[in-house]
Amino acid sequence: MSELRDLASFILLELSRQNYGLAREYSNQRNTLIGPGVLKFDASVFKNNRLHRFSESTNVQFRAEFFNLFNRANFSSPTSNLAVFDQAGNPIPTAGLITSTQTPSREIQFALKVIW
């Protein structure tokens, strides 16, 4: 991930008629920087319990749901800081910095559902 933060790999070019060809040669192509991947595993387990005391079709269902079960940190892309240089042409130190995650940490929820 250190290649994303290497500000020396970027140069500042003034776009004019004289250096238009140079600017096209040094401009980034589409999908040049690829952010980290996303892997999220959600699971759900449930148990049905028939209650014949109330009626034939009464069912109490206990559910356990797990979101991001393996608790993997899915980092966001470094797109919040799109500017690499300020107006004076100096490099911005926070350019390309990954500061957040895309998905929350592991979440577990339990539920009791009555179906009649």
C-alpha atoms as a PDB file:
ATOM      1  CA  MET A   1       0.000   0.000   0.000  1.00  0.00           C
ATOM      2  CA  SER A   2       3.046   2.258   0.219  1.00  0.00           C
ATOM      3  CA  GLU A   3       2.924   2.876  -3.538  1.00  0.00           C
ATOM      4  CA  LEU A   4      -0.419   4.667  -3.019  1.00  0.00           C
ATOM      5  CA  ARG A   5       1.257   7.200  -0.720  1.00  0.00           C
ATOM      6  CA  ASP A   6       4.367   7.852  -2.833  1.00  0.00           C
ATOM      7  CA  LEU A   7       3.813  11.508  -3.761  1.00  0.00           C
ATOM      8  CA  ALA A   8       7.058  11.551  -5.752  1.00  0.00           C
ATOM      9  CA  SER A   9       5.328   9.489  -8.440  1.00  0.00           C
ATOM     10  CA  PHE A  10       3.039  12.450  -9.228  1.00  0.00           C
ATOM     11  CA  ILE A  11       4.148  15.586 -11.050  1.00  0.00           C
ATOM     12  CA  LEU A  12       2.391  18.905 -11.540  1.00  0.00           C
ATOM     13  CA  LEU A  13       2.007  20.068 -15.132  1.00  0.00           C
ATOM     14  CA  GLU A  14       0.553  23.351 -16.265  1.00  0.00           C
ATOM     15  CA  LEU A  15      -1.828  22.570 -19.082  1.00  0.00           C
ATOM     16  CA  SER A  16      -1.208  24.853 -22.029  1.00  0.00           C
ATOM     17  CA  ARG A  17      -0.939  24.564 -25.787  1.00  0.00           C
ATOM     18  CA  GLN A  18       2.835  24.120 -25.627  1.00  0.00           C
ATOM     19  CA  ASN A  19       2.889  21.123 -23.305  1.00  0.00           C
ATOM     20  CA  TYR A  20      -0.461  19.498 -24.128  1.00  0.00           C
ATOM     21  CA  GLY A  21       1.258  16.411 -25.536  1.00  0.00           C
ATOM     22  CA  LEU A  22       3.453  16.143 -22.427  1.00  0.00           C
ATOM     23  CA  ALA A  23       0.417  16.464 -20.175  1.00  0.00           C
ATOM     24  CA  ARG A  24      -1.363  13.683 -22.057  1.00  0.00           C
ATOM     25  CA  GLU A  25       1.701  11.463 -21.782  1.00  0.00           C
ATOM     26  CA  TYR A  26       2.002  11.899 -18.019  1.00  0.00           C
ATOM     27  CA  SER A  27      -1.687  11.880 -17.101  1.00  0.00           C
ATOM     28  CA  ASN A  28      -3.079   8.868 -15.259  1.00  0.00           C
ATOM     29  CA  GLN A  29      -5.232   6.399 -17.086  1.00  0.00           C
ATOM     30  CA  ARG A  30      -8.555   5.160 -15.799  1.00  0.00           C
ATOM     31  CA  ASN A  31      -8.310   2.658 -12.880  1.00  0.00           C
ATOM     32  CA  THR A  32      -4.633   3.403 -12.304  1.00  0.00           C
ATOM     33  CA  LEU A  33      -5.025   3.195  -8.535  1.00  0.00           C
ATOM     34  CA  ILE A  34      -7.005   0.261  -7.199  1.00  0.00           C
ATOM     35  CA  GLY A  35      -8.107   0.370  -3.587  1.00  0.00           C
ATOM     36  CA  PRO A  36      -8.158  -2.533  -1.171  1.00  0.00           C
ATOM     37  CA  GLY A  37     -10.708  -5.288  -1.707  1.00  0.00           C
ATOM     38  CA  VAL A  38     -13.856  -5.933   0.298  1.00  0.00           C
ATOM     39  CA  LEU A  39     -14.611  -9.270   1.928  1.00  0.00           C
ATOM     40  CA  LYS A  40     -17.655  -9.597   4.166  1.00  0.00           C
ATOM     41  CA  PHE A  41     -19.242 -12.793   5.454  1.00  0.00           C
ATOM     42  CA  ASP A  42     -22.755 -12.675   6.958  1.00  0.00           C
ATOM     43  CA  ALA A  43     -24.479 -15.690   8.512  1.00  0.00           C
ATOM     44  CA  SER A  44     -27.813 -16.492  10.105  1.00  0.00           C
ATOM     45  CA  VAL A  45     -29.002 -19.473  12.123  1.00  0.00           C
ATOM     46  CA  PHE A  46     -32.495 -20.080  13.437  1.00  0.00           C
ATOM     47  CA  LYS A  47     -34.467 -22.667  15.363  1.00  0.00           C
ATOM     48  CA  ASN A  48     -38.213 -23.199  14.935  1.00  0.00           C
ATOM     49  CA  ASN A  49     -40.187 -24.290  18.016  1.00  0.00           C
ATOM     50  CA  ARG A  50     -43.791 -25.381  17.486  1.00  0.00           C
ATOM     51  CA  LEU A  51     -46.192 -24.430  20.265  1.00  0.00           C
ATOM     52  CA  HIS A  52     -49.211 -26.703  20.033  1.00  0.00           C
ATOM     53  CA  ARG A  53     -50.543 -25.338  23.327  1.00  0.00           C
ATOM     54  CA  PHE A  54     -51.973 -22.235  21.601  1.00  0.00           C
ATOM     55  CA  SER A  55     -52.830 -23.550  18.138  1.00  0.00           C
ATOM     56  CA  GLU A  56     -51.637 -25.938  15.439  1.00  0.00           C
ATOM     57  CA  SER A  57     -49.754 -23.268  13.476  1.00  0.00           C
ATOM     58  CA  THR A  58     -48.130 -21.266  16.299  1.00  0.00           C
ATOM     59  CA  ASN A  59     -44.365 -21.145  15.910  1.00  0.00           C
ATOM     60  CA  VAL A  60     -41.717 -19.363  17.992  1.00  0.00           C
ATOM     61  CA  GLN A  61     -38.525 -18.815  16.056  1.00  0.00           C
ATOM     62  CA  PHE A  62     -35.198 -17.985  17.712  1.00  0.00           C
ATOM     63  CA  ARG A  63     -32.737 -16.277  15.342  1.00  0.00           C
ATOM     64  CA  ALA A  64     -29.053 -15.382  15.634  1.00  0.00           C
ATOM     65  CA  GLU A  65     -27.602 -13.202  12.862  1.00  0.00           C
ATOM     66  CA  PHE A  66     -23.927 -12.391  12.433  1.00  0.00           C
ATOM     67  CA  PHE A  67     -22.703  -9.529  10.239  1.00  0.00           C
ATOM     68  CA  ASN A  68     -19.003  -9.382   9.243  1.00  0.00           C
ATOM     69  CA  LEU A  69     -18.553 -12.690  11.061  1.00  0.00           C
ATOM     70  CA  PHE A  70     -14.754 -12.893  10.703  1.00  0.00           C
ATOM     71  CA  ASN A  71     -14.363  -9.218  11.721  1.00  0.00           C
ATOM     72  CA  ARG A  72     -12.207  -8.307   8.719  1.00  0.00           C
ATOM     73  CA  ALA A  73     -11.219  -4.655   8.369  1.00  0.00           C
ATOM     74  CA  ASN A  74     -12.352  -3.498   4.905  1.00  0.00           C
ATOM     75  CA  PHE A  75     -10.495  -0.252   4.298  1.00  0.00           C
ATOM     76  CA  SER A  76     -12.008   2.511   2.170  1.00  0.00           C
ATOM     77  CA  SER A  77     -10.426   3.738  -1.013  1.00  0.00           C
ATOM     78  CA  PRO A  78      -8.223   6.823  -0.773  1.00  0.00           C
ATOM     79  CA  THR A  79     -10.745   8.900  -2.747  1.00  0.00           C
ATOM     80  CA  SER A  80     -11.626  11.450  -0.079  1.00  0.00           C
ATOM     81  CA  ASN A  81      -8.380  13.326  -0.752  1.00  0.00           C
ATOM     82  CA  LEU A  82      -8.363  13.659  -4.529  1.00  0.00           C
ATOM     83  CA  ALA A  83      -6.081  16.693  -4.706  1.00  0.00           C
ATOM     84  CA  VAL A  84      -2.386  15.799  -4.819  1.00  0.00           C
ATOM     85  CA  PHE A  85      -1.090  19.371  -5.066  1.00  0.00           C
ATOM     86  CA  ASP A  86      -2.324  22.637  -3.567  1.00  0.00           C
ATOM     87  CA  GLN A  87      -2.765  25.823  -5.621  1.00  0.00           C
ATOM     88  CA  ALA A  88       0.869  26.800  -5.082  1.00  0.00           C
ATOM     89  CA  GLY A  89       2.081  23.478  -6.532  1.00  0.00           C
ATOM     90  CA  ASN A  90       3.232  21.988  -3.229  1.00  0.00           C
ATOM     91  CA  PRO A  91       2.373  18.340  -2.515  1.00  0.00           C
ATOM     92  CA  ILE A  92      -0.427  17.777  -0.013  1.00  0.00           C
ATOM     93  CA  PRO A  93       0.751  15.319   2.679  1.00  0.00           C
ATOM     94  CA  THR A  94      -2.692  13.738   3.173  1.00  0.00           C
ATOM     95  CA  ALA A  95      -3.190  12.864  -0.504  1.00  0.00           C
ATOM     96  CA  GLY A  96      -4.114   9.229  -0.949  1.00  0.00           C
ATOM     97  CA  LEU A  97      -4.367   8.586   2.791  1.00  0.00           C
ATOM     98  CA  ILE A  98      -6.764   5.830   3.867  1.00  0.00           C
ATOM     99  CA  THR A  99      -8.554   7.085   6.975  1.00  0.00           C
ATOM    100  CA  SER A 100     -11.681   4.943   7.358  1.00  0.00           C
ATOM    101  CA  THR A 101     -13.251   1.551   6.771  1.00  0.00           C
ATOM    102  CA  GLN A 102     -16.093   0.661   4.412  1.00  0.00           C
ATOM    103  CA  THR A 103     -17.888  -1.819   6.631  1.00  0.00           C
ATOM    104  CA  PRO A 104     -18.546  -1.783  10.390  1.00  0.00           C
ATOM    105  CA  SER A 105     -16.980  -4.269  12.768  1.00  0.00           C
ATOM    106  CA  ARG A 106     -18.642  -7.547  13.732  1.00  0.00           C
ATOM    107  CA  GLU A 107     -22.288  -7.218  14.746  1.00  0.00           C
ATOM    108  CA  ILE A 108     -24.388  -9.958  16.345  1.00  0.00           C
ATOM    109  CA  GLN A 109     -28.130  -9.723  16.835  1.00  0.00           C
ATOM    110  CA  PHE A 110     -30.582 -12.100  18.454  1.00  0.00           C
ATOM    111  CA  ALA A 111     -34.311 -12.174  17.788  1.00  0.00           C
ATOM    112  CA  LEU A 112     -37.365 -14.010  18.976  1.00  0.00           C
ATOM    113  CA  LYS A 113     -40.136 -14.147  16.404  1.00  0.00           C
ATOM    114  CA  VAL A 114     -43.671 -15.391  17.038  1.00  0.00           C
ATOM    115  CA  ILE A 115     -45.506 -16.686  13.965  1.00  0.00           C
ATOM    116  CA  TRP A 116     -49.179 -17.675  14.240  1.00  0.00           C
END
